[in-house]
Each structure stands twice: as structure tokens, then as C-alpha cells.
Amino acid sequence: MNKKYQKALIWSSCCLLALSNISPTIALATTDNSPTIQETTPTNSTVVTFSSSDLLQAAQKLYDDGIFTKEQYQTVFTTLTQRLGRKGVNKTVYLGNNLYDNYIDSVTWSLAVSLGAGAFGTLLGAIPGINAALAGFIASVASGVGSSYLSADRGVIIRTRQVYVPSNGVGGARIENRIVSIREQ
């Protein structure tokens, strides 16, 4: 074999071998390893509404099941039946790209603050069609920042985004709700 041809063959074999070892590494470095979140709702806006009667029925069911105490049920009942001047709406609107606008009216917001995060999250989660994880998140936001928006005459809008959180070595990967903004309606 020609010496020149032999050197070219060895050099090209080395290059191909090196590239075959490097190219998977380059491909892994340039791809996003986080799994894509499958959107289970259509890309157009999806609206889930709930009324005071839905909250009252959920509270009655929780009380009958022994989850709510009589005092918690009475708080829900008196807040929803005796307060006048309701302004705003109660609904969750899916905006696409894992963004949600959660509209909470003024009476429901004051109920969230008075019940506390655990009880209000349980109450919202008992309403059919409302994601329990999102309900708990809204409840924790209400208890955390509720006092600063307590005088929200028309209620509040909590914009949230579902994000992928990779494994940190202690727990597994998960999808979390994060606050984007809170404002009055």
C-alpha cells in the first residue's frame, strides 16, 4: 500500500473514531433534557368557574364526611350567605403555555384569609373540575399575602405558571406551580 494513502487512511479513521465519541456528547449538551409537559387542555382558553353555591356544597360535603369541623363549616356558611356587595368572579382560565389566571372574588378571598391555607385548599379541591394541587397553591398564596390584598374590593387575580423542576438528588423531578403576578381584579 502506498505510504501516503496509508497515512490518510489512519488519520481519517482516527478522526471518525474521535467524532463518533464526541458527537453523542455534543448532542446531549445541546438538547434540553427536561421532559416536555404535555398540555392536557386545548390551546384555546379553557375556563373553569365556581360559584358561592359550589363552595357551600363542597363545605357541606366536607362537613358531612368529617373533614371540616362545625366551626369551619359555619365560617364558610356565614361568609357566603350573609355578605353582600360581591364583586368579581371565581374562575380559573387556562391561557396556554402552562399559564393560568385564577380569579378570586372579594368574598371568596376574605373567606380564604379567614379559613387559612389548609382548610381553604381542601375546600377548593373538593369542587369538581378544580385541580387539587392548584387549589392548595392558591390557598397558600391567599394565606401568605392575603392581608395585603384584604381590601381588594373586586377580588384578586393570581397568575401562575406550571414549571418542570428537575430532580435535586433528594426528591424526584416534579411539576410545580409558580406565582407570576398577583393583582386586583
N, C-alpha and C. Protein backbone atom coordinates (compact mmCIF):
# COMPACT_ATOMS: atom_id res chain seq x y z
N MET A 1 0.83 -1.16 0.00
CA MET A 1 0.00 0.00 0.00
C MET A 1 0.88 1.23 0.00
N ASN A 2 0.42 2.23 -0.66
CA ASN A 2 1.15 3.48 -0.74
C ASN A 2 1.21 4.12 0.66
N LYS A 3 2.40 4.60 1.05
CA LYS A 3 2.60 5.18 2.36
C LYS A 3 1.72 6.41 2.58
N LYS A 4 1.56 7.20 1.55
CA LYS A 4 0.72 8.39 1.64
C LYS A 4 -0.75 8.00 1.86
N TYR A 5 -1.18 6.98 1.12
CA TYR A 5 -2.55 6.51 1.24
C TYR A 5 -2.77 5.89 2.63
N GLN A 6 -1.78 5.18 3.15
CA GLN A 6 -1.87 4.55 4.45
C GLN A 6 -1.98 5.59 5.57
N LYS A 7 -1.20 6.68 5.49
CA LYS A 7 -1.29 7.75 6.49
C LYS A 7 -2.65 8.42 6.44
N ALA A 8 -3.20 8.66 5.26
CA ALA A 8 -4.51 9.29 5.11
C ALA A 8 -5.60 8.39 5.68
N LEU A 9 -5.47 7.09 5.45
CA LEU A 9 -6.45 6.15 5.98
C LEU A 9 -6.41 6.12 7.50
N ILE A 10 -5.23 6.09 8.09
CA ILE A 10 -5.09 6.09 9.56
C ILE A 10 -5.62 7.40 10.13
N TRP A 11 -5.27 8.51 9.51
CA TRP A 11 -5.72 9.82 10.00
C TRP A 11 -7.24 9.93 9.93
N SER A 12 -7.85 9.52 8.83
CA SER A 12 -9.31 9.61 8.70
C SER A 12 -10.00 8.65 9.66
N SER A 13 -9.43 7.48 9.91
CA SER A 13 -10.00 6.52 10.87
C SER A 13 -9.98 7.11 12.28
N CYS A 14 -8.87 7.76 12.61
CA CYS A 14 -8.78 8.41 13.94
C CYS A 14 -9.81 9.52 14.07
N CYS A 15 -9.96 10.31 13.02
CA CYS A 15 -10.94 11.40 13.05
C CYS A 15 -12.35 10.86 13.19
N LEU A 16 -12.68 9.82 12.43
CA LEU A 16 -14.01 9.23 12.53
C LEU A 16 -14.25 8.63 13.91
N LEU A 17 -13.25 7.99 14.46
CA LEU A 17 -13.38 7.42 15.79
C LEU A 17 -13.59 8.51 16.83
N ALA A 18 -12.83 9.59 16.72
CA ALA A 18 -12.97 10.71 17.65
C ALA A 18 -14.35 11.36 17.51
N LEU A 19 -14.79 11.55 16.28
CA LEU A 19 -16.10 12.17 16.06
C LEU A 19 -17.23 11.28 16.56
N SER A 20 -17.08 9.99 16.43
CA SER A 20 -18.15 9.10 16.91
C SER A 20 -18.24 9.13 18.43
N ASN A 21 -17.14 9.43 19.11
CA ASN A 21 -17.18 9.54 20.56
C ASN A 21 -17.63 10.92 21.02
N ILE A 22 -17.36 11.95 20.24
CA ILE A 22 -17.69 13.32 20.62
C ILE A 22 -19.12 13.68 20.25
N SER A 23 -19.62 13.20 19.11
CA SER A 23 -20.92 13.65 18.64
C SER A 23 -22.07 13.33 19.59
N PRO A 24 -22.10 12.14 20.26
CA PRO A 24 -23.18 11.97 21.24
C PRO A 24 -23.08 12.95 22.40
N THR A 25 -21.87 13.28 22.81
CA THR A 25 -21.68 14.24 23.89
C THR A 25 -22.17 15.62 23.47
N ILE A 26 -21.87 16.02 22.25
CA ILE A 26 -22.35 17.30 21.74
C ILE A 26 -23.87 17.30 21.65
N ALA A 27 -24.44 16.21 21.19
CA ALA A 27 -25.89 16.12 21.08
C ALA A 27 -26.56 16.21 22.44
N LEU A 28 -25.98 15.55 23.44
CA LEU A 28 -26.55 15.61 24.79
C LEU A 28 -26.43 17.00 25.39
N ALA A 29 -25.34 17.68 25.09
CA ALA A 29 -25.12 19.00 25.65
C ALA A 29 -26.05 20.03 25.04
N THR A 30 -26.47 19.82 23.81
CA THR A 30 -27.30 20.83 23.15
C THR A 30 -28.78 20.55 23.25
N THR A 31 -29.18 19.38 23.76
CA THR A 31 -30.60 19.10 23.89
C THR A 31 -31.07 19.46 25.28
N ASP A 32 -32.35 19.75 25.37
CA ASP A 32 -32.97 20.04 26.65
C ASP A 32 -33.39 18.71 27.26
N ASN A 33 -32.78 18.35 28.37
CA ASN A 33 -33.07 17.06 28.98
C ASN A 33 -34.36 17.04 29.77
N SER A 34 -34.97 18.19 30.00
CA SER A 34 -36.21 18.20 30.76
C SER A 34 -37.34 17.69 29.88
N PRO A 35 -38.19 16.82 30.43
CA PRO A 35 -39.28 16.30 29.63
C PRO A 35 -40.27 17.41 29.33
N THR A 36 -40.89 17.30 28.19
CA THR A 36 -41.88 18.31 27.84
C THR A 36 -43.15 18.04 28.62
N ILE A 37 -43.80 19.11 29.04
CA ILE A 37 -45.05 18.97 29.77
C ILE A 37 -46.15 18.88 28.74
N GLN A 38 -46.85 17.77 28.74
CA GLN A 38 -47.93 17.59 27.79
C GLN A 38 -49.11 18.45 28.22
N GLU A 39 -49.59 19.26 27.32
CA GLU A 39 -50.74 20.08 27.64
C GLU A 39 -51.98 19.21 27.51
N THR A 40 -52.69 19.07 28.62
CA THR A 40 -53.87 18.22 28.61
C THR A 40 -55.12 19.00 28.25
N THR A 41 -55.00 20.31 28.18
CA THR A 41 -56.13 21.12 27.80
C THR A 41 -55.87 21.72 26.43
N PRO A 42 -56.92 22.09 25.72
CA PRO A 42 -56.71 22.65 24.40
C PRO A 42 -55.93 23.95 24.46
N THR A 43 -55.35 24.34 23.34
CA THR A 43 -54.55 25.56 23.32
C THR A 43 -55.41 26.81 23.44
N ASN A 44 -56.68 26.74 23.10
CA ASN A 44 -57.52 27.91 23.32
C ASN A 44 -57.88 27.97 24.79
N SER A 45 -58.33 29.12 25.26
CA SER A 45 -58.58 29.31 26.67
C SER A 45 -59.67 28.38 27.17
N THR A 46 -59.39 27.72 28.27
CA THR A 46 -60.35 26.87 28.93
C THR A 46 -60.68 27.53 30.25
N VAL A 47 -61.97 27.62 30.57
CA VAL A 47 -62.41 28.32 31.77
C VAL A 47 -63.14 27.33 32.68
N VAL A 48 -62.73 27.29 33.94
CA VAL A 48 -63.43 26.50 34.96
C VAL A 48 -63.95 27.52 35.97
N THR A 49 -65.26 27.63 36.09
CA THR A 49 -65.84 28.59 37.03
C THR A 49 -66.41 27.84 38.24
N PHE A 50 -66.47 28.55 39.35
CA PHE A 50 -67.13 28.01 40.53
C PHE A 50 -67.83 29.15 41.24
N SER A 51 -68.99 28.85 41.80
CA SER A 51 -69.81 29.87 42.44
C SER A 51 -69.80 29.70 43.95
N SER A 52 -70.49 30.60 44.62
CA SER A 52 -70.61 30.50 46.07
C SER A 52 -71.37 29.24 46.46
N SER A 53 -72.37 28.88 45.65
CA SER A 53 -73.12 27.66 45.97
C SER A 53 -72.23 26.42 45.83
N ASP A 54 -71.28 26.43 44.86
CA ASP A 54 -70.33 25.33 44.74
C ASP A 54 -69.46 25.24 45.99
N LEU A 55 -69.00 26.38 46.48
CA LEU A 55 -68.20 26.41 47.70
C LEU A 55 -69.01 25.91 48.90
N LEU A 56 -70.27 26.34 48.96
CA LEU A 56 -71.12 25.93 50.07
C LEU A 56 -71.41 24.43 50.02
N GLN A 57 -71.67 23.90 48.82
CA GLN A 57 -71.91 22.46 48.69
C GLN A 57 -70.66 21.65 49.04
N ALA A 58 -69.51 22.15 48.63
CA ALA A 58 -68.26 21.47 48.96
C ALA A 58 -68.02 21.49 50.47
N ALA A 59 -68.32 22.63 51.12
CA ALA A 59 -68.16 22.72 52.57
C ALA A 59 -69.12 21.77 53.27
N GLN A 60 -70.35 21.67 52.77
CA GLN A 60 -71.33 20.76 53.36
C GLN A 60 -70.86 19.31 53.24
N LYS A 61 -70.32 18.96 52.08
CA LYS A 61 -69.82 17.59 51.86
C LYS A 61 -68.63 17.31 52.78
N LEU A 62 -67.71 18.28 52.90
CA LEU A 62 -66.56 18.09 53.78
C LEU A 62 -66.98 17.97 55.24
N TYR A 63 -68.01 18.72 55.62
CA TYR A 63 -68.53 18.64 56.99
C TYR A 63 -69.20 17.29 57.23
N ASP A 64 -70.00 16.85 56.26
CA ASP A 64 -70.68 15.55 56.39
C ASP A 64 -69.68 14.39 56.44
N ASP A 65 -68.55 14.53 55.71
CA ASP A 65 -67.52 13.49 55.70
C ASP A 65 -66.60 13.55 56.92
N GLY A 66 -66.78 14.56 57.77
CA GLY A 66 -65.97 14.68 58.97
C GLY A 66 -64.62 15.34 58.75
N ILE A 67 -64.41 15.94 57.59
CA ILE A 67 -63.13 16.60 57.30
C ILE A 67 -63.14 18.02 57.85
N PHE A 68 -64.27 18.72 57.71
CA PHE A 68 -64.42 20.06 58.25
C PHE A 68 -65.07 19.99 59.63
N THR A 69 -64.63 20.87 60.52
CA THR A 69 -65.29 20.99 61.82
C THR A 69 -66.53 21.85 61.67
N LYS A 70 -67.34 21.87 62.71
CA LYS A 70 -68.55 22.69 62.68
C LYS A 70 -68.18 24.17 62.55
N GLU A 71 -67.10 24.58 63.20
CA GLU A 71 -66.67 25.98 63.15
C GLU A 71 -66.23 26.37 61.73
N GLN A 72 -65.50 25.47 61.07
CA GLN A 72 -65.07 25.75 59.69
C GLN A 72 -66.28 25.85 58.77
N TYR A 73 -67.22 24.93 58.94
CA TYR A 73 -68.42 24.98 58.10
C TYR A 73 -69.20 26.26 58.37
N GLN A 74 -69.34 26.65 59.63
CA GLN A 74 -70.07 27.87 59.98
C GLN A 74 -69.39 29.11 59.39
N THR A 75 -68.06 29.12 59.38
CA THR A 75 -67.33 30.24 58.77
C THR A 75 -67.66 30.36 57.29
N VAL A 76 -67.65 29.23 56.59
CA VAL A 76 -67.98 29.23 55.16
C VAL A 76 -69.42 29.66 54.97
N PHE A 77 -70.32 29.08 55.75
CA PHE A 77 -71.75 29.37 55.59
C PHE A 77 -72.05 30.84 55.83
N THR A 78 -71.56 31.40 56.94
CA THR A 78 -71.88 32.80 57.23
C THR A 78 -71.21 33.75 56.25
N THR A 79 -70.00 33.44 55.82
CA THR A 79 -69.31 34.32 54.88
C THR A 79 -70.03 34.35 53.53
N LEU A 80 -70.47 33.21 53.07
CA LEU A 80 -71.06 33.14 51.73
C LEU A 80 -72.54 33.52 51.70
N THR A 81 -73.25 33.41 52.81
CA THR A 81 -74.69 33.71 52.78
C THR A 81 -75.04 35.08 53.33
N GLN A 82 -74.21 35.66 54.18
CA GLN A 82 -74.60 36.92 54.81
C GLN A 82 -73.86 38.13 54.29
N ARG A 83 -72.86 37.95 53.45
CA ARG A 83 -72.12 39.11 52.95
C ARG A 83 -72.74 39.59 51.66
N LEU A 84 -72.96 40.86 51.60
CA LEU A 84 -73.48 41.47 50.38
C LEU A 84 -72.38 42.24 49.70
N GLY A 85 -72.63 42.70 48.51
CA GLY A 85 -71.66 43.52 47.81
C GLY A 85 -70.59 42.71 47.10
N ARG A 86 -70.94 41.52 46.65
CA ARG A 86 -69.98 40.66 45.96
C ARG A 86 -69.56 41.33 44.66
N LYS A 87 -68.27 41.38 44.44
CA LYS A 87 -67.72 41.91 43.20
C LYS A 87 -66.65 40.95 42.72
N GLY A 88 -66.51 40.84 41.41
CA GLY A 88 -65.52 39.95 40.84
C GLY A 88 -66.13 38.59 40.51
N VAL A 89 -65.29 37.69 40.06
CA VAL A 89 -65.74 36.36 39.67
C VAL A 89 -64.78 35.32 40.26
N ASN A 90 -65.25 34.08 40.29
CA ASN A 90 -64.42 32.94 40.69
C ASN A 90 -64.25 32.05 39.48
N LYS A 91 -63.05 32.02 38.94
CA LYS A 91 -62.79 31.13 37.80
C LYS A 91 -61.30 30.94 37.63
N THR A 92 -60.97 29.87 36.94
CA THR A 92 -59.61 29.59 36.54
C THR A 92 -59.59 29.54 35.03
N VAL A 93 -58.73 30.33 34.41
CA VAL A 93 -58.65 30.41 32.96
C VAL A 93 -57.28 29.90 32.54
N TYR A 94 -57.30 28.88 31.68
CA TYR A 94 -56.04 28.37 31.13
C TYR A 94 -55.69 29.21 29.92
N LEU A 95 -54.51 29.83 29.95
CA LEU A 95 -54.11 30.76 28.89
C LEU A 95 -53.23 30.12 27.83
N GLY A 96 -52.76 28.92 28.05
CA GLY A 96 -51.82 28.27 27.14
C GLY A 96 -50.41 28.42 27.69
N ASN A 97 -49.51 27.60 27.18
CA ASN A 97 -48.10 27.64 27.59
C ASN A 97 -47.96 27.49 29.11
N ASN A 98 -48.83 26.65 29.70
CA ASN A 98 -48.83 26.35 31.14
C ASN A 98 -49.05 27.57 32.03
N LEU A 99 -49.74 28.59 31.53
CA LEU A 99 -50.11 29.77 32.31
C LEU A 99 -51.58 29.70 32.71
N TYR A 100 -51.87 30.08 33.95
CA TYR A 100 -53.24 30.10 34.44
C TYR A 100 -53.51 31.45 35.08
N ASP A 101 -54.71 32.00 34.86
CA ASP A 101 -55.20 33.15 35.61
C ASP A 101 -56.28 32.63 36.54
N ASN A 102 -56.10 32.83 37.83
CA ASN A 102 -57.04 32.37 38.85
C ASN A 102 -57.74 33.59 39.43
N TYR A 103 -59.00 33.78 39.07
CA TYR A 103 -59.79 34.92 39.53
C TYR A 103 -60.53 34.51 40.79
N ILE A 104 -60.34 35.28 41.86
CA ILE A 104 -61.00 35.02 43.14
C ILE A 104 -61.75 36.28 43.53
N ASP A 105 -63.08 36.17 43.72
CA ASP A 105 -63.86 37.36 44.07
C ASP A 105 -63.58 37.80 45.50
N SER A 106 -64.09 38.97 45.86
CA SER A 106 -63.75 39.58 47.14
C SER A 106 -64.24 38.77 48.34
N VAL A 107 -65.44 38.19 48.24
CA VAL A 107 -65.97 37.41 49.36
C VAL A 107 -65.19 36.11 49.52
N THR A 108 -64.90 35.46 48.41
CA THR A 108 -64.14 34.21 48.47
C THR A 108 -62.72 34.46 48.96
N TRP A 109 -62.15 35.60 48.56
CA TRP A 109 -60.80 35.94 49.02
C TRP A 109 -60.78 36.15 50.53
N SER A 110 -61.77 36.87 51.07
CA SER A 110 -61.81 37.07 52.52
C SER A 110 -62.07 35.74 53.24
N LEU A 111 -62.83 34.84 52.60
CA LEU A 111 -63.03 33.50 53.16
C LEU A 111 -61.71 32.73 53.20
N ALA A 112 -60.91 32.87 52.15
CA ALA A 112 -59.61 32.19 52.09
C ALA A 112 -58.71 32.67 53.21
N VAL A 113 -58.73 33.96 53.45
CA VAL A 113 -57.87 34.53 54.50
C VAL A 113 -58.36 34.08 55.88
N SER A 114 -59.67 34.04 56.09
CA SER A 114 -60.19 33.67 57.41
C SER A 114 -60.08 32.18 57.69
N LEU A 115 -60.21 31.33 56.66
CA LEU A 115 -60.12 29.88 56.86
C LEU A 115 -58.68 29.40 57.04
N GLY A 116 -57.76 30.01 56.33
CA GLY A 116 -56.38 29.55 56.36
C GLY A 116 -56.10 28.66 55.16
N ALA A 117 -54.83 28.42 54.94
CA ALA A 117 -54.40 27.72 53.72
C ALA A 117 -54.92 26.28 53.65
N GLY A 118 -54.78 25.54 54.71
CA GLY A 118 -55.15 24.13 54.67
C GLY A 118 -56.63 23.92 54.42
N ALA A 119 -57.46 24.62 55.18
CA ALA A 119 -58.91 24.44 55.05
C ALA A 119 -59.42 24.98 53.72
N PHE A 120 -58.90 26.13 53.28
CA PHE A 120 -59.37 26.68 52.01
C PHE A 120 -58.90 25.83 50.83
N GLY A 121 -57.69 25.30 50.90
CA GLY A 121 -57.22 24.40 49.84
C GLY A 121 -58.06 23.15 49.76
N THR A 122 -58.42 22.60 50.91
CA THR A 122 -59.30 21.43 50.95
C THR A 122 -60.65 21.77 50.37
N LEU A 123 -61.18 22.94 50.71
CA LEU A 123 -62.48 23.37 50.20
C LEU A 123 -62.46 23.53 48.69
N LEU A 124 -61.45 24.22 48.16
CA LEU A 124 -61.36 24.39 46.70
C LEU A 124 -61.15 23.06 45.99
N GLY A 125 -60.32 22.21 46.57
CA GLY A 125 -60.05 20.91 45.97
C GLY A 125 -61.26 20.00 45.93
N ALA A 126 -62.25 20.26 46.79
CA ALA A 126 -63.47 19.43 46.83
C ALA A 126 -64.45 19.82 45.72
N ILE A 127 -64.21 20.92 45.05
CA ILE A 127 -65.10 21.33 43.95
C ILE A 127 -64.70 20.57 42.70
N PRO A 128 -65.64 19.88 42.05
CA PRO A 128 -65.30 19.13 40.83
C PRO A 128 -64.75 20.05 39.74
N GLY A 129 -63.71 19.58 39.07
CA GLY A 129 -63.12 20.33 37.97
C GLY A 129 -61.95 21.20 38.35
N ILE A 130 -61.70 21.35 39.66
CA ILE A 130 -60.58 22.17 40.10
C ILE A 130 -59.45 21.26 40.53
N ASN A 131 -58.28 21.50 39.98
CA ASN A 131 -57.09 20.72 40.29
C ASN A 131 -56.73 20.90 41.76
N ALA A 132 -56.61 19.81 42.49
CA ALA A 132 -56.34 19.88 43.93
C ALA A 132 -55.00 20.53 44.24
N ALA A 133 -53.98 20.25 43.42
CA ALA A 133 -52.66 20.86 43.65
C ALA A 133 -52.72 22.36 43.45
N LEU A 134 -53.44 22.80 42.41
CA LEU A 134 -53.58 24.23 42.16
C LEU A 134 -54.41 24.88 43.26
N ALA A 135 -55.42 24.17 43.76
CA ALA A 135 -56.24 24.70 44.85
C ALA A 135 -55.40 24.92 46.10
N GLY A 136 -54.56 23.96 46.42
CA GLY A 136 -53.68 24.12 47.59
C GLY A 136 -52.70 25.26 47.41
N PHE A 137 -52.21 25.43 46.19
CA PHE A 137 -51.27 26.51 45.92
C PHE A 137 -51.96 27.86 46.08
N ILE A 138 -53.17 28.01 45.52
CA ILE A 138 -53.92 29.27 45.65
C ILE A 138 -54.20 29.55 47.12
N ALA A 139 -54.54 28.52 47.87
CA ALA A 139 -54.82 28.69 49.29
C ALA A 139 -53.59 29.16 50.05
N SER A 140 -52.43 28.61 49.72
CA SER A 140 -51.22 29.04 50.41
C SER A 140 -50.85 30.47 50.04
N VAL A 141 -51.11 30.85 48.79
CA VAL A 141 -50.88 32.24 48.39
C VAL A 141 -51.84 33.15 49.15
N ALA A 142 -53.10 32.74 49.26
CA ALA A 142 -54.09 33.55 49.96
C ALA A 142 -53.72 33.76 51.42
N SER A 143 -53.21 32.72 52.05
CA SER A 143 -52.85 32.89 53.46
C SER A 143 -51.56 33.68 53.61
N GLY A 144 -50.67 33.59 52.62
CA GLY A 144 -49.40 34.29 52.71
C GLY A 144 -49.49 35.77 52.43
N VAL A 145 -50.24 36.14 51.40
CA VAL A 145 -50.32 37.55 51.02
C VAL A 145 -51.73 38.11 51.17
N GLY A 146 -52.60 37.32 51.80
CA GLY A 146 -54.00 37.71 51.91
C GLY A 146 -54.23 39.04 52.60
N SER A 147 -53.47 39.30 53.64
CA SER A 147 -53.70 40.53 54.39
C SER A 147 -53.36 41.77 53.57
N SER A 148 -52.42 41.67 52.66
CA SER A 148 -52.07 42.84 51.86
C SER A 148 -53.11 43.11 50.77
N TYR A 149 -53.89 42.09 50.41
CA TYR A 149 -54.96 42.29 49.43
C TYR A 149 -56.34 42.12 50.06
N LEU A 150 -56.42 42.23 51.39
CA LEU A 150 -57.68 42.02 52.09
C LEU A 150 -58.73 43.04 51.68
N SER A 151 -58.32 44.22 51.33
CA SER A 151 -59.29 45.24 50.95
C SER A 151 -59.53 45.25 49.44
N ALA A 152 -59.23 44.17 48.76
CA ALA A 152 -59.47 44.09 47.32
C ALA A 152 -60.98 44.05 47.10
N ASP A 153 -61.54 45.18 46.69
CA ASP A 153 -62.99 45.30 46.56
C ASP A 153 -63.58 44.40 45.48
N ARG A 154 -62.84 44.13 44.45
CA ARG A 154 -63.35 43.30 43.36
C ARG A 154 -62.68 41.93 43.34
N GLY A 155 -61.86 41.61 44.31
CA GLY A 155 -61.16 40.35 44.35
C GLY A 155 -59.77 40.47 43.76
N VAL A 156 -59.13 39.34 43.54
CA VAL A 156 -57.76 39.32 43.04
C VAL A 156 -57.63 38.35 41.87
N ILE A 157 -56.56 38.54 41.12
CA ILE A 157 -56.20 37.63 40.05
C ILE A 157 -54.79 37.14 40.35
N ILE A 158 -54.64 35.82 40.46
CA ILE A 158 -53.34 35.22 40.71
C ILE A 158 -52.92 34.51 39.42
N ARG A 159 -51.87 35.01 38.78
CA ARG A 159 -51.37 34.35 37.57
C ARG A 159 -50.28 33.37 37.99
N THR A 160 -50.45 32.12 37.57
CA THR A 160 -49.49 31.08 37.91
C THR A 160 -48.99 30.39 36.64
N ARG A 161 -47.84 29.78 36.75
CA ARG A 161 -47.26 29.00 35.66
C ARG A 161 -46.80 27.66 36.23
N GLN A 162 -47.10 26.60 35.50
CA GLN A 162 -46.60 25.29 35.88
C GLN A 162 -45.23 25.12 35.26
N VAL A 163 -44.24 24.79 36.08
CA VAL A 163 -42.87 24.63 35.61
C VAL A 163 -42.33 23.27 36.02
N TYR A 164 -41.41 22.77 35.22
CA TYR A 164 -40.75 21.50 35.50
C TYR A 164 -39.55 21.77 36.40
N VAL A 165 -39.47 21.04 37.50
CA VAL A 165 -38.34 21.16 38.42
C VAL A 165 -37.60 19.82 38.39
N PRO A 166 -36.35 19.82 37.91
CA PRO A 166 -35.62 18.56 37.83
C PRO A 166 -35.28 18.01 39.21
N SER A 167 -34.90 16.76 39.24
CA SER A 167 -34.54 16.10 40.49
C SER A 167 -33.33 16.79 41.11
N ASN A 168 -33.38 16.96 42.43
CA ASN A 168 -32.26 17.59 43.13
C ASN A 168 -31.44 16.59 43.92
N GLY A 169 -31.65 15.31 43.67
CA GLY A 169 -30.92 14.28 44.38
C GLY A 169 -31.65 13.78 45.60
N VAL A 170 -32.48 14.61 46.21
CA VAL A 170 -33.25 14.20 47.38
C VAL A 170 -34.62 13.69 46.95
N GLY A 171 -35.29 14.48 46.14
CA GLY A 171 -36.60 14.11 45.64
C GLY A 171 -36.57 13.97 44.13
N GLY A 172 -37.61 13.41 43.60
CA GLY A 172 -37.68 13.22 42.16
C GLY A 172 -38.08 14.49 41.43
N ALA A 173 -38.06 14.43 40.13
CA ALA A 173 -38.50 15.56 39.32
C ALA A 173 -39.99 15.76 39.53
N ARG A 174 -40.44 17.00 39.40
CA ARG A 174 -41.85 17.30 39.64
C ARG A 174 -42.27 18.53 38.86
N ILE A 175 -43.56 18.74 38.79
CA ILE A 175 -44.12 19.94 38.17
C ILE A 175 -44.69 20.80 39.30
N GLU A 176 -44.28 22.06 39.36
CA GLU A 176 -44.72 22.97 40.42
C GLU A 176 -45.48 24.14 39.82
N ASN A 177 -46.34 24.74 40.63
CA ASN A 177 -46.97 26.00 40.28
C ASN A 177 -46.12 27.13 40.84
N ARG A 178 -45.91 28.15 40.04
CA ARG A 178 -45.16 29.32 40.50
C ARG A 178 -45.99 30.57 40.26
N ILE A 179 -45.87 31.52 41.17
CA ILE A 179 -46.60 32.78 41.03
C ILE A 179 -45.90 33.64 40.00
N VAL A 180 -46.67 34.14 39.05
CA VAL A 180 -46.15 35.10 38.09
C VAL A 180 -46.50 36.51 38.56
N SER A 181 -47.75 36.70 38.96
CA SER A 181 -48.17 38.01 39.47
C SER A 181 -49.46 37.87 40.27
N ILE A 182 -49.70 38.85 41.14
CA ILE A 182 -50.95 38.97 41.89
C ILE A 182 -51.40 40.41 41.73
N ARG A 183 -52.65 40.59 41.37
CA ARG A 183 -53.19 41.95 41.20
C ARG A 183 -54.67 41.94 41.52
N GLU A 184 -55.20 43.13 41.72
CA GLU A 184 -56.65 43.23 41.99
C GLU A 184 -57.39 43.12 40.67
N GLN A 185 -58.63 42.58 40.77
CA GLN A 185 -59.47 42.46 39.57
C GLN A 185 -59.92 43.81 39.09
